Amino acid sequence: VSVCLSKGLGAPVGSLVAGTTDQIAEARV
């Protein structure tokens, strides 16, 4: 899942991607 903080929530920058520990470890790379 991806979610955004800089659209309706009004933050100046930033989104997040969420999944399994392995998926996020690979995403960090």
mmCIF file of all heavy atoms, coordinates in Angstrom:
data_MODEL
# 
_entry.id   MODEL 
# 
loop_
_atom_site.group_PDB 
_atom_site.id 
_atom_site.type_symbol 
_atom_site.label_atom_id 
_atom_site.label_alt_id 
_atom_site.label_comp_id 
_atom_site.label_asym_id 
_atom_site.label_entity_id 
_atom_site.label_seq_id 
_atom_site.pdbx_PDB_ins_code 
_atom_site.Cartn_x 
_atom_site.Cartn_y 
_atom_site.Cartn_z 
_atom_site.occupancy 
_atom_site.B_iso_or_equiv 
_atom_site.pdbx_formal_charge 
_atom_site.auth_seq_id 
_atom_site.auth_comp_id 
_atom_site.auth_asym_id 
_atom_site.auth_atom_id 
_atom_site.pdbx_PDB_model_num 
ATOM 1   N N   . VAL A 1 1  ? 0.848  -1.196  0.000  1.00 0.00 ? 1  VAL A N   1 
ATOM 2   C CA  . VAL A 1 1  ? 0.000  0.000   0.000  1.00 0.00 ? 1  VAL A CA  1 
ATOM 3   C C   . VAL A 1 1  ? 0.882  1.245   0.000  1.00 0.00 ? 1  VAL A C   1 
ATOM 4   O O   . VAL A 1 1  ? 1.914  1.283   0.680  1.00 0.00 ? 1  VAL A O   1 
ATOM 5   C CB  . VAL A 1 1  ? -0.901 0.045   1.256  1.00 0.00 ? 1  VAL A CB  1 
ATOM 6   C CG1 . VAL A 1 1  ? -1.846 1.248   1.212  1.00 0.00 ? 1  VAL A CG1 1 
ATOM 7   C CG2 . VAL A 1 1  ? -1.696 -1.246  1.412  1.00 0.00 ? 1  VAL A CG2 1 
ATOM 8   N N   . SER A 1 2  ? 0.481  2.245   -0.765 1.00 0.00 ? 2  SER A N   1 
ATOM 9   C CA  . SER A 1 2  ? 1.128  3.560   -0.659 1.00 0.00 ? 2  SER A CA  1 
ATOM 10  C C   . SER A 1 2  ? 0.095  4.573   -0.189 1.00 0.00 ? 2  SER A C   1 
ATOM 11  O O   . SER A 1 2  ? -1.075 4.514   -0.586 1.00 0.00 ? 2  SER A O   1 
ATOM 12  C CB  . SER A 1 2  ? 1.712  3.990   -2.012 1.00 0.00 ? 2  SER A CB  1 
ATOM 13  O OG  . SER A 1 2  ? 0.725  3.979   -3.023 1.00 0.00 ? 2  SER A OG  1 
ATOM 14  N N   . VAL A 1 3  ? 0.518  5.483   0.668  1.00 0.00 ? 3  VAL A N   1 
ATOM 15  C CA  . VAL A 1 3  ? -0.347 6.560   1.155  1.00 0.00 ? 3  VAL A CA  1 
ATOM 16  C C   . VAL A 1 3  ? 0.432  7.871   1.114  1.00 0.00 ? 3  VAL A C   1 
ATOM 17  O O   . VAL A 1 3  ? 1.660  7.880   1.220  1.00 0.00 ? 3  VAL A O   1 
ATOM 18  C CB  . VAL A 1 3  ? -0.860 6.306   2.592  1.00 0.00 ? 3  VAL A CB  1 
ATOM 19  C CG1 . VAL A 1 3  ? -1.861 5.157   2.624  1.00 0.00 ? 3  VAL A CG1 1 
ATOM 20  C CG2 . VAL A 1 3  ? 0.297  6.043   3.557  1.00 0.00 ? 3  VAL A CG2 1 
ATOM 21  N N   . CYS A 1 4  ? -0.294 8.972   0.950  1.00 0.00 ? 4  CYS A N   1 
ATOM 22  C CA  . CYS A 1 4  ? 0.342  10.284  0.804  1.00 0.00 ? 4  CYS A CA  1 
ATOM 23  C C   . CYS A 1 4  ? -0.032 11.194  1.956  1.00 0.00 ? 4  CYS A C   1 
ATOM 24  O O   . CYS A 1 4  ? -1.179 11.190  2.420  1.00 0.00 ? 4  CYS A O   1 
ATOM 25  C CB  . CYS A 1 4  ? -0.085 10.908  -0.532 1.00 0.00 ? 4  CYS A CB  1 
ATOM 26  S SG  . CYS A 1 4  ? 0.775  12.447  -0.909 1.00 0.00 ? 4  CYS A SG  1 
ATOM 27  N N   . LEU A 1 5  ? 0.925  11.994  2.399  1.00 0.00 ? 5  LEU A N   1 
ATOM 28  C CA  . LEU A 1 5  ? 0.705  12.969  3.460  1.00 0.00 ? 5  LEU A CA  1 
ATOM 29  C C   . LEU A 1 5  ? 0.579  14.391  2.926  1.00 0.00 ? 5  LEU A C   1 
ATOM 30  O O   . LEU A 1 5  ? 0.150  15.285  3.644  1.00 0.00 ? 5  LEU A O   1 
ATOM 31  C CB  . LEU A 1 5  ? 1.865  12.916  4.461  1.00 0.00 ? 5  LEU A CB  1 
ATOM 32  C CG  . LEU A 1 5  ? 2.131  11.560  5.115  1.00 0.00 ? 5  LEU A CG  1 
ATOM 33  C CD1 . LEU A 1 5  ? 3.446  11.588  5.873  1.00 0.00 ? 5  LEU A CD1 1 
ATOM 34  C CD2 . LEU A 1 5  ? 0.983  11.170  6.038  1.00 0.00 ? 5  LEU A CD2 1 
ATOM 35  N N   . SER A 1 6  ? 0.969  14.605  1.667  1.00 0.00 ? 6  SER A N   1 
ATOM 36  C CA  . SER A 1 6  ? 1.039  15.966  1.126  1.00 0.00 ? 6  SER A CA  1 
ATOM 37  C C   . SER A 1 6  ? -0.145 16.319  0.234  1.00 0.00 ? 6  SER A C   1 
ATOM 38  O O   . SER A 1 6  ? -0.132 17.336  -0.436 1.00 0.00 ? 6  SER A O   1 
ATOM 39  C CB  . SER A 1 6  ? 2.346  16.162  0.338  1.00 0.00 ? 6  SER A CB  1 
ATOM 40  O OG  . SER A 1 6  ? 2.389  15.303  -0.782 1.00 0.00 ? 6  SER A OG  1 
ATOM 41  N N   . LYS A 1 7  ? -1.162 15.480  0.226  1.00 0.00 ? 7  LYS A N   1 
ATOM 42  C CA  . LYS A 1 7  ? -2.380 15.818  -0.506 1.00 0.00 ? 7  LYS A CA  1 
ATOM 43  C C   . LYS A 1 7  ? -3.404 16.312  0.511  1.00 0.00 ? 7  LYS A C   1 
ATOM 44  O O   . LYS A 1 7  ? -3.236 17.368  1.085  1.00 0.00 ? 7  LYS A O   1 
ATOM 45  C CB  . LYS A 1 7  ? -2.847 14.630  -1.339 1.00 0.00 ? 7  LYS A CB  1 
ATOM 46  C CG  . LYS A 1 7  ? -1.867 14.310  -2.473 1.00 0.00 ? 7  LYS A CG  1 
ATOM 47  C CD  . LYS A 1 7  ? -2.386 13.248  -3.406 1.00 0.00 ? 7  LYS A CD  1 
ATOM 48  C CE  . LYS A 1 7  ? -1.475 13.082  -4.616 1.00 0.00 ? 7  LYS A CE  1 
ATOM 49  N NZ  . LYS A 1 7  ? -0.164 12.517  -4.295 1.00 0.00 ? 7  LYS A NZ  1 
ATOM 50  N N   . GLY A 1 8  ? -4.460 15.565  0.763  1.00 0.00 ? 8  GLY A N   1 
ATOM 51  C CA  . GLY A 1 8  ? -5.500 16.070  1.655  1.00 0.00 ? 8  GLY A CA  1 
ATOM 52  C C   . GLY A 1 8  ? -5.035 16.395  3.055  1.00 0.00 ? 8  GLY A C   1 
ATOM 53  O O   . GLY A 1 8  ? -5.638 17.229  3.735  1.00 0.00 ? 8  GLY A O   1 
ATOM 54  N N   . LEU A 1 9  ? -3.967 15.749  3.518  1.00 0.00 ? 9  LEU A N   1 
ATOM 55  C CA  . LEU A 1 9  ? -3.531 15.978  4.904  1.00 0.00 ? 9  LEU A CA  1 
ATOM 56  C C   . LEU A 1 9  ? -2.686 17.226  5.064  1.00 0.00 ? 9  LEU A C   1 
ATOM 57  O O   . LEU A 1 9  ? -2.413 17.648  6.186  1.00 0.00 ? 9  LEU A O   1 
ATOM 58  C CB  . LEU A 1 9  ? -2.773 14.753  5.426  1.00 0.00 ? 9  LEU A CB  1 
ATOM 59  C CG  . LEU A 1 9  ? -3.573 13.452  5.486  1.00 0.00 ? 9  LEU A CG  1 
ATOM 60  C CD1 . LEU A 1 9  ? -2.821 12.406  6.301  1.00 0.00 ? 9  LEU A CD1 1 
ATOM 61  C CD2 . LEU A 1 9  ? -4.961 13.673  6.060  1.00 0.00 ? 9  LEU A CD2 1 
ATOM 62  N N   . GLY A 1 10 ? -2.214 17.813  3.974  1.00 0.00 ? 10 GLY A N   1 
ATOM 63  C CA  . GLY A 1 10 ? -1.596 19.134  4.052  1.00 0.00 ? 10 GLY A CA  1 
ATOM 64  C C   . GLY A 1 10 ? -0.153 19.194  4.475  1.00 0.00 ? 10 GLY A C   1 
ATOM 65  O O   . GLY A 1 10 ? 0.365  20.277  4.760  1.00 0.00 ? 10 GLY A O   1 
ATOM 66  N N   . ALA A 1 11 ? 0.561  18.059  4.548  1.00 0.00 ? 11 ALA A N   1 
ATOM 67  C CA  . ALA A 1 11 ? 2.001  18.119  4.827  1.00 0.00 ? 11 ALA A CA  1 
ATOM 68  C C   . ALA A 1 11 ? 2.724  18.635  3.578  1.00 0.00 ? 11 ALA A C   1 
ATOM 69  O O   . ALA A 1 11 ? 2.242  18.460  2.464  1.00 0.00 ? 11 ALA A O   1 
ATOM 70  C CB  . ALA A 1 11 ? 2.531  16.743  5.208  1.00 0.00 ? 11 ALA A CB  1 
ATOM 71  N N   . PRO A 1 12 ? 3.881  19.280  3.744  1.00 0.00 ? 12 PRO A N   1 
ATOM 72  C CA  . PRO A 1 12 ? 4.565  19.835  2.572  1.00 0.00 ? 12 PRO A CA  1 
ATOM 73  C C   . PRO A 1 12 ? 5.215  18.786  1.683  1.00 0.00 ? 12 PRO A C   1 
ATOM 74  O O   . PRO A 1 12 ? 5.403  19.020  0.488  1.00 0.00 ? 12 PRO A O   1 
ATOM 75  C CB  . PRO A 1 12 ? 5.617  20.769  3.186  1.00 0.00 ? 12 PRO A CB  1 
ATOM 76  C CG  . PRO A 1 12 ? 5.877  20.203  4.538  1.00 0.00 ? 12 PRO A CG  1 
ATOM 77  C CD  . PRO A 1 12 ? 4.563  19.647  5.005  1.00 0.00 ? 12 PRO A CD  1 
ATOM 78  N N   . VAL A 1 13 ? 5.573  17.642  2.252  1.00 0.00 ? 13 VAL A N   1 
ATOM 79  C CA  . VAL A 1 13 ? 6.314  16.610  1.523  1.00 0.00 ? 13 VAL A CA  1 
ATOM 80  C C   . VAL A 1 13 ? 5.985  15.261  2.151  1.00 0.00 ? 13 VAL A C   1 
ATOM 81  O O   . VAL A 1 13 ? 5.795  15.171  3.361  1.00 0.00 ? 13 VAL A O   1 
ATOM 82  C CB  . VAL A 1 13 ? 7.845  16.850  1.629  1.00 0.00 ? 13 VAL A CB  1 
ATOM 83  C CG1 . VAL A 1 13 ? 8.617  15.637  1.140  1.00 0.00 ? 13 VAL A CG1 1 
ATOM 84  C CG2 . VAL A 1 13 ? 8.270  18.072  0.843  1.00 0.00 ? 13 VAL A CG2 1 
ATOM 85  N N   . GLY A 1 14 ? 5.937  14.221  1.320  1.00 0.00 ? 14 GLY A N   1 
ATOM 86  C CA  . GLY A 1 14 ? 6.021  12.886  1.896  1.00 0.00 ? 14 GLY A CA  1 
ATOM 87  C C   . GLY A 1 14 ? 4.898  11.927  1.614  1.00 0.00 ? 14 GLY A C   1 
ATOM 88  O O   . GLY A 1 14 ? 3.722  12.291  1.634  1.00 0.00 ? 14 GLY A O   1 
ATOM 89  N N   . SER A 1 15 ? 5.273  10.679  1.334  1.00 0.00 ? 15 SER A N   1 
ATOM 90  C CA  . SER A 1 15 ? 4.375  9.545   1.215  1.00 0.00 ? 15 SER A CA  1 
ATOM 91  C C   . SER A 1 15 ? 5.032  8.361   1.900  1.00 0.00 ? 15 SER A C   1 
ATOM 92  O O   . SER A 1 15 ? 6.214  8.421   2.259  1.00 0.00 ? 15 SER A O   1 
ATOM 93  C CB  . SER A 1 15 ? 4.110  9.217   -0.257 1.00 0.00 ? 15 SER A CB  1 
ATOM 94  O OG  . SER A 1 15 ? 3.324  10.200  -0.885 1.00 0.00 ? 15 SER A OG  1 
ATOM 95  N N   . LEU A 1 16 ? 4.277  7.290   2.074  1.00 0.00 ? 16 LEU A N   1 
ATOM 96  C CA  . LEU A 1 16 ? 4.845  6.072   2.645  1.00 0.00 ? 16 LEU A CA  1 
ATOM 97  C C   . LEU A 1 16 ? 4.385  4.875   1.845  1.00 0.00 ? 16 LEU A C   1 
ATOM 98  O O   . LEU A 1 16 ? 3.287  4.870   1.267  1.00 0.00 ? 16 LEU A O   1 
ATOM 99  C CB  . LEU A 1 16 ? 4.427  5.878   4.107  1.00 0.00 ? 16 LEU A CB  1 
ATOM 100 C CG  . LEU A 1 16 ? 4.985  6.915   5.086  1.00 0.00 ? 16 LEU A CG  1 
ATOM 101 C CD1 . LEU A 1 16 ? 3.930  7.953   5.401  1.00 0.00 ? 16 LEU A CD1 1 
ATOM 102 C CD2 . LEU A 1 16 ? 5.492  6.255   6.361  1.00 0.00 ? 16 LEU A CD2 1 
ATOM 103 N N   . VAL A 1 17 ? 5.236  3.851   1.797  1.00 0.00 ? 17 VAL A N   1 
ATOM 104 C CA  . VAL A 1 17 ? 4.882  2.557   1.234  1.00 0.00 ? 17 VAL A CA  1 
ATOM 105 C C   . VAL A 1 17 ? 4.925  1.559   2.373  1.00 0.00 ? 17 VAL A C   1 
ATOM 106 O O   . VAL A 1 17 ? 5.834  1.592   3.213  1.00 0.00 ? 17 VAL A O   1 
ATOM 107 C CB  . VAL A 1 17 ? 5.822  2.165   0.076  1.00 0.00 ? 17 VAL A CB  1 
ATOM 108 C CG1 . VAL A 1 17 ? 7.275  2.185   0.482  1.00 0.00 ? 17 VAL A CG1 1 
ATOM 109 C CG2 . VAL A 1 17 ? 5.451  0.792   -0.483 1.00 0.00 ? 17 VAL A CG2 1 
ATOM 110 N N   . ALA A 1 18 ? 3.915  0.690   2.447  1.00 0.00 ? 18 ALA A N   1 
ATOM 111 C CA  . ALA A 1 18 ? 3.808  -0.258  3.555  1.00 0.00 ? 18 ALA A CA  1 
ATOM 112 C C   . ALA A 1 18 ? 3.558  -1.662  3.032  1.00 0.00 ? 18 ALA A C   1 
ATOM 113 O O   . ALA A 1 18 ? 2.822  -1.858  2.057  1.00 0.00 ? 18 ALA A O   1 
ATOM 114 C CB  . ALA A 1 18 ? 2.672  0.160   4.494  1.00 0.00 ? 18 ALA A CB  1 
ATOM 115 N N   . GLY A 1 19 ? 4.180  -2.629  3.683  1.00 0.00 ? 19 GLY A N   1 
ATOM 116 C CA  . GLY A 1 19 ? 4.012  -4.020  3.283  1.00 0.00 ? 19 GLY A CA  1 
ATOM 117 C C   . GLY A 1 19 ? 4.684  -4.929  4.288  1.00 0.00 ? 19 GLY A C   1 
ATOM 118 O O   . GLY A 1 19 ? 4.754  -4.616  5.479  1.00 0.00 ? 19 GLY A O   1 
ATOM 119 N N   . THR A 1 20 ? 5.225  -6.045  3.814  1.00 0.00 ? 20 THR A N   1 
ATOM 120 C CA  . THR A 1 20 ? 5.922  -6.959  4.701  1.00 0.00 ? 20 THR A CA  1 
ATOM 121 C C   . THR A 1 20 ? 7.305  -6.401  5.056  1.00 0.00 ? 20 THR A C   1 
ATOM 122 O O   . THR A 1 20 ? 7.821  -5.500  4.382  1.00 0.00 ? 20 THR A O   1 
ATOM 123 C CB  . THR A 1 20 ? 6.103  -8.337  4.043  1.00 0.00 ? 20 THR A CB  1 
ATOM 124 O OG1 . THR A 1 20 ? 6.979  -8.194  2.911  1.00 0.00 ? 20 THR A OG1 1 
ATOM 125 C CG2 . THR A 1 20 ? 4.769  -8.912  3.585  1.00 0.00 ? 20 THR A CG2 1 
ATOM 126 N N   . THR A 1 21 ? 7.901  -6.980  6.077  1.00 0.00 ? 21 THR A N   1 
ATOM 127 C CA  . THR A 1 21 ? 9.250  -6.562  6.465  1.00 0.00 ? 21 THR A CA  1 
ATOM 128 C C   . THR A 1 21 ? 10.226 -6.732  5.311  1.00 0.00 ? 21 THR A C   1 
ATOM 129 O O   . THR A 1 21 ? 11.067 -5.859  5.052  1.00 0.00 ? 21 THR A O   1 
ATOM 130 C CB  . THR A 1 21 ? 9.720  -7.384  7.683  1.00 0.00 ? 21 THR A CB  1 
ATOM 131 O OG1 . THR A 1 21 ? 8.797  -7.175  8.767  1.00 0.00 ? 21 THR A OG1 1 
ATOM 132 C CG2 . THR A 1 21 ? 11.109 -6.962  8.127  1.00 0.00 ? 21 THR A CG2 1 
ATOM 133 N N   . ASP A 1 22 ? 10.120 -7.839  4.595  1.00 0.00 ? 22 ASP A N   1 
ATOM 134 C CA  . ASP A 1 22 ? 11.028 -8.075  3.475  1.00 0.00 ? 22 ASP A CA  1 
ATOM 135 C C   . ASP A 1 22 ? 10.796 -7.080  2.344  1.00 0.00 ? 22 ASP A C   1 
ATOM 136 O O   . ASP A 1 22 ? 11.758 -6.592  1.726  1.00 0.00 ? 22 ASP A O   1 
ATOM 137 C CB  . ASP A 1 22 ? 10.863 -9.502  2.945  1.00 0.00 ? 22 ASP A CB  1 
ATOM 138 C CG  . ASP A 1 22 ? 11.433 -10.553 3.894  1.00 0.00 ? 22 ASP A CG  1 
ATOM 139 O OD1 . ASP A 1 22 ? 12.203 -10.188 4.802  1.00 0.00 ? 22 ASP A OD1 1 
ATOM 140 O OD2 . ASP A 1 22 ? 11.085 -11.739 3.722  1.00 0.00 ? 22 ASP A OD2 1 
ATOM 141 N N   . GLN A 1 23 ? 9.540  -6.804  2.034  1.00 0.00 ? 23 GLN A N   1 
ATOM 142 C CA  . GLN A 1 23 ? 9.245  -5.831  0.978  1.00 0.00 ? 23 GLN A CA  1 
ATOM 143 C C   . GLN A 1 23 ? 9.825  -4.464  1.310  1.00 0.00 ? 23 GLN A C   1 
ATOM 144 O O   . GLN A 1 23 ? 10.403 -3.791  0.443  1.00 0.00 ? 23 GLN A O   1 
ATOM 145 C CB  . GLN A 1 23 ? 7.734  -5.705  0.786  1.00 0.00 ? 23 GLN A CB  1 
ATOM 146 C CG  . GLN A 1 23 ? 7.084  -6.852  0.050  1.00 0.00 ? 23 GLN A CG  1 
ATOM 147 C CD  . GLN A 1 23 ? 5.574  -6.712  0.017  1.00 0.00 ? 23 GLN A CD  1 
ATOM 148 O OE1 . GLN A 1 23 ? 4.948  -6.308  0.993  1.00 0.00 ? 23 GLN A OE1 1 
ATOM 149 N NE2 . GLN A 1 23 ? 4.969  -7.064  -1.116 1.00 0.00 ? 23 GLN A NE2 1 
ATOM 150 N N   . ILE A 1 24 ? 9.692  -4.046  2.539  1.00 0.00 ? 24 ILE A N   1 
ATOM 151 C CA  . ILE A 1 24 ? 10.156 -2.712  2.923  1.00 0.00 ? 24 ILE A CA  1 
ATOM 152 C C   . ILE A 1 24 ? 11.680 -2.674  3.007  1.00 0.00 ? 24 ILE A C   1 
ATOM 153 O O   . ILE A 1 24 ? 12.305 -1.650  2.685  1.00 0.00 ? 24 ILE A O   1 
ATOM 154 C CB  . ILE A 1 24 ? 9.501  -2.267  4.242  1.00 0.00 ? 24 ILE A CB  1 
ATOM 155 C CG1 . ILE A 1 24 ? 7.979  -2.203  4.060  1.00 0.00 ? 24 ILE A CG1 1 
ATOM 156 C CG2 . ILE A 1 24 ? 10.039 -0.916  4.691  1.00 0.00 ? 24 ILE A CG2 1 
ATOM 157 C CD1 . ILE A 1 24 ? 7.503  -1.395  2.856  1.00 0.00 ? 24 ILE A CD1 1 
ATOM 158 N N   . ALA A 1 25 ? 12.307 -3.769  3.389  1.00 0.00 ? 25 ALA A N   1 
ATOM 159 C CA  . ALA A 1 25 ? 13.778 -3.822  3.373  1.00 0.00 ? 25 ALA A CA  1 
ATOM 160 C C   . ALA A 1 25 ? 14.287 -3.644  1.947  1.00 0.00 ? 25 ALA A C   1 
ATOM 161 O O   . ALA A 1 25 ? 15.257 -2.906  1.695  1.00 0.00 ? 25 ALA A O   1 
ATOM 162 C CB  . ALA A 1 25 ? 14.256 -5.136  3.970  1.00 0.00 ? 25 ALA A CB  1 
ATOM 163 N N   . GLU A 1 26 ? 13.655 -4.314  0.998  1.00 0.00 ? 26 GLU A N   1 
ATOM 164 C CA  . GLU A 1 26 ? 14.047 -4.165  -0.402 1.00 0.00 ? 26 GLU A CA  1 
ATOM 165 C C   . GLU A 1 26 ? 13.733 -2.753  -0.898 1.00 0.00 ? 26 GLU A C   1 
ATOM 166 O O   . GLU A 1 26 ? 14.518 -2.149  -1.642 1.00 0.00 ? 26 GLU A O   1 
ATOM 167 C CB  . GLU A 1 26 ? 13.316 -5.188  -1.270 1.00 0.00 ? 26 GLU A CB  1 
ATOM 168 C CG  . GLU A 1 26 ? 13.724 -5.130  -2.733 1.00 0.00 ? 26 GLU A CG  1 
ATOM 169 C CD  . GLU A 1 26 ? 12.956 -6.099  -3.612 1.00 0.00 ? 26 GLU A CD  1 
ATOM 170 O OE1 . GLU A 1 26 ? 11.795 -6.423  -3.285 1.00 0.00 ? 26 GLU A OE1 1 
ATOM 171 O OE2 . GLU A 1 26 ? 13.513 -6.518  -4.643 1.00 0.00 ? 26 GLU A OE2 1 
ATOM 172 N N   . ALA A 1 27 ? 12.588 -2.224  -0.485 1.00 0.00 ? 27 ALA A N   1 
ATOM 173 C CA  . ALA A 1 27 ? 12.212 -0.864  -0.899 1.00 0.00 ? 27 ALA A CA  1 
ATOM 174 C C   . ALA A 1 27 ? 13.216 0.158   -0.393 1.00 0.00 ? 27 ALA A C   1 
ATOM 175 O O   . ALA A 1 27 ? 13.530 1.136   -1.081 1.00 0.00 ? 27 ALA A O   1 
ATOM 176 C CB  . ALA A 1 27 ? 10.811 -0.528  -0.382 1.00 0.00 ? 27 ALA A CB  1 
ATOM 177 N N   . ARG A 1 28 ? 13.750 -0.065  0.795  1.00 0.00 ? 28 ARG A N   1 
ATOM 178 C CA  . ARG A 1 28 ? 14.750 0.862   1.339  1.00 0.00 ? 28 ARG A CA  1 
ATOM 179 C C   . ARG A 1 28 ? 16.007 0.874   0.462  1.00 0.00 ? 28 ARG A C   1 
ATOM 180 O O   . ARG A 1 28 ? 16.596 1.929   0.213  1.00 0.00 ? 28 ARG A O   1 
ATOM 181 C CB  . ARG A 1 28 ? 15.105 0.491   2.780  1.00 0.00 ? 28 ARG A CB  1 
ATOM 182 C CG  . ARG A 1 28 ? 16.106 1.426   3.436  1.00 0.00 ? 28 ARG A CG  1 
ATOM 183 C CD  . ARG A 1 28 ? 16.331 1.069   4.890  1.00 0.00 ? 28 ARG A CD  1 
ATOM 184 N NE  . ARG A 1 28 ? 15.210 1.484   5.718  1.00 0.00 ? 28 ARG A NE  1 
ATOM 185 C CZ  . ARG A 1 28 ? 15.064 2.707   6.232  1.00 0.00 ? 28 ARG A CZ  1 
ATOM 186 N NH1 . ARG A 1 28 ? 15.979 3.649   5.997  1.00 0.00 ? 28 ARG A NH1 1 
ATOM 187 N NH2 . ARG A 1 28 ? 14.032 3.003   6.971  1.00 0.00 ? 28 ARG A NH2 1 
ATOM 188 N N   . VAL A 1 29 ? 16.403 -0.290  -0.024 1.00 0.00 ? 29 VAL A N   1 
ATOM 189 C CA  . VAL A 1 29 ? 17.562 -0.375  -0.917 1.00 0.00 ? 29 VAL A CA  1 
ATOM 190 C C   . VAL A 1 29 ? 17.274 0.383   -2.214 1.00 0.00 ? 29 VAL A C   1 
ATOM 191 O O   . VAL A 1 29 ? 18.095 1.182   -2.688 1.00 0.00 ? 29 VAL A O   1 
ATOM 192 C CB  . VAL A 1 29 ? 17.916 -1.845  -1.211 1.00 0.00 ? 29 VAL A CB  1 
ATOM 193 C CG1 . VAL A 1 29 ? 18.988 -1.937  -2.298 1.00 0.00 ? 29 VAL A CG1 1 
ATOM 194 C CG2 . VAL A 1 29 ? 18.382 -2.541  0.063  1.00 0.00 ? 29 VAL A CG2 1 
# 
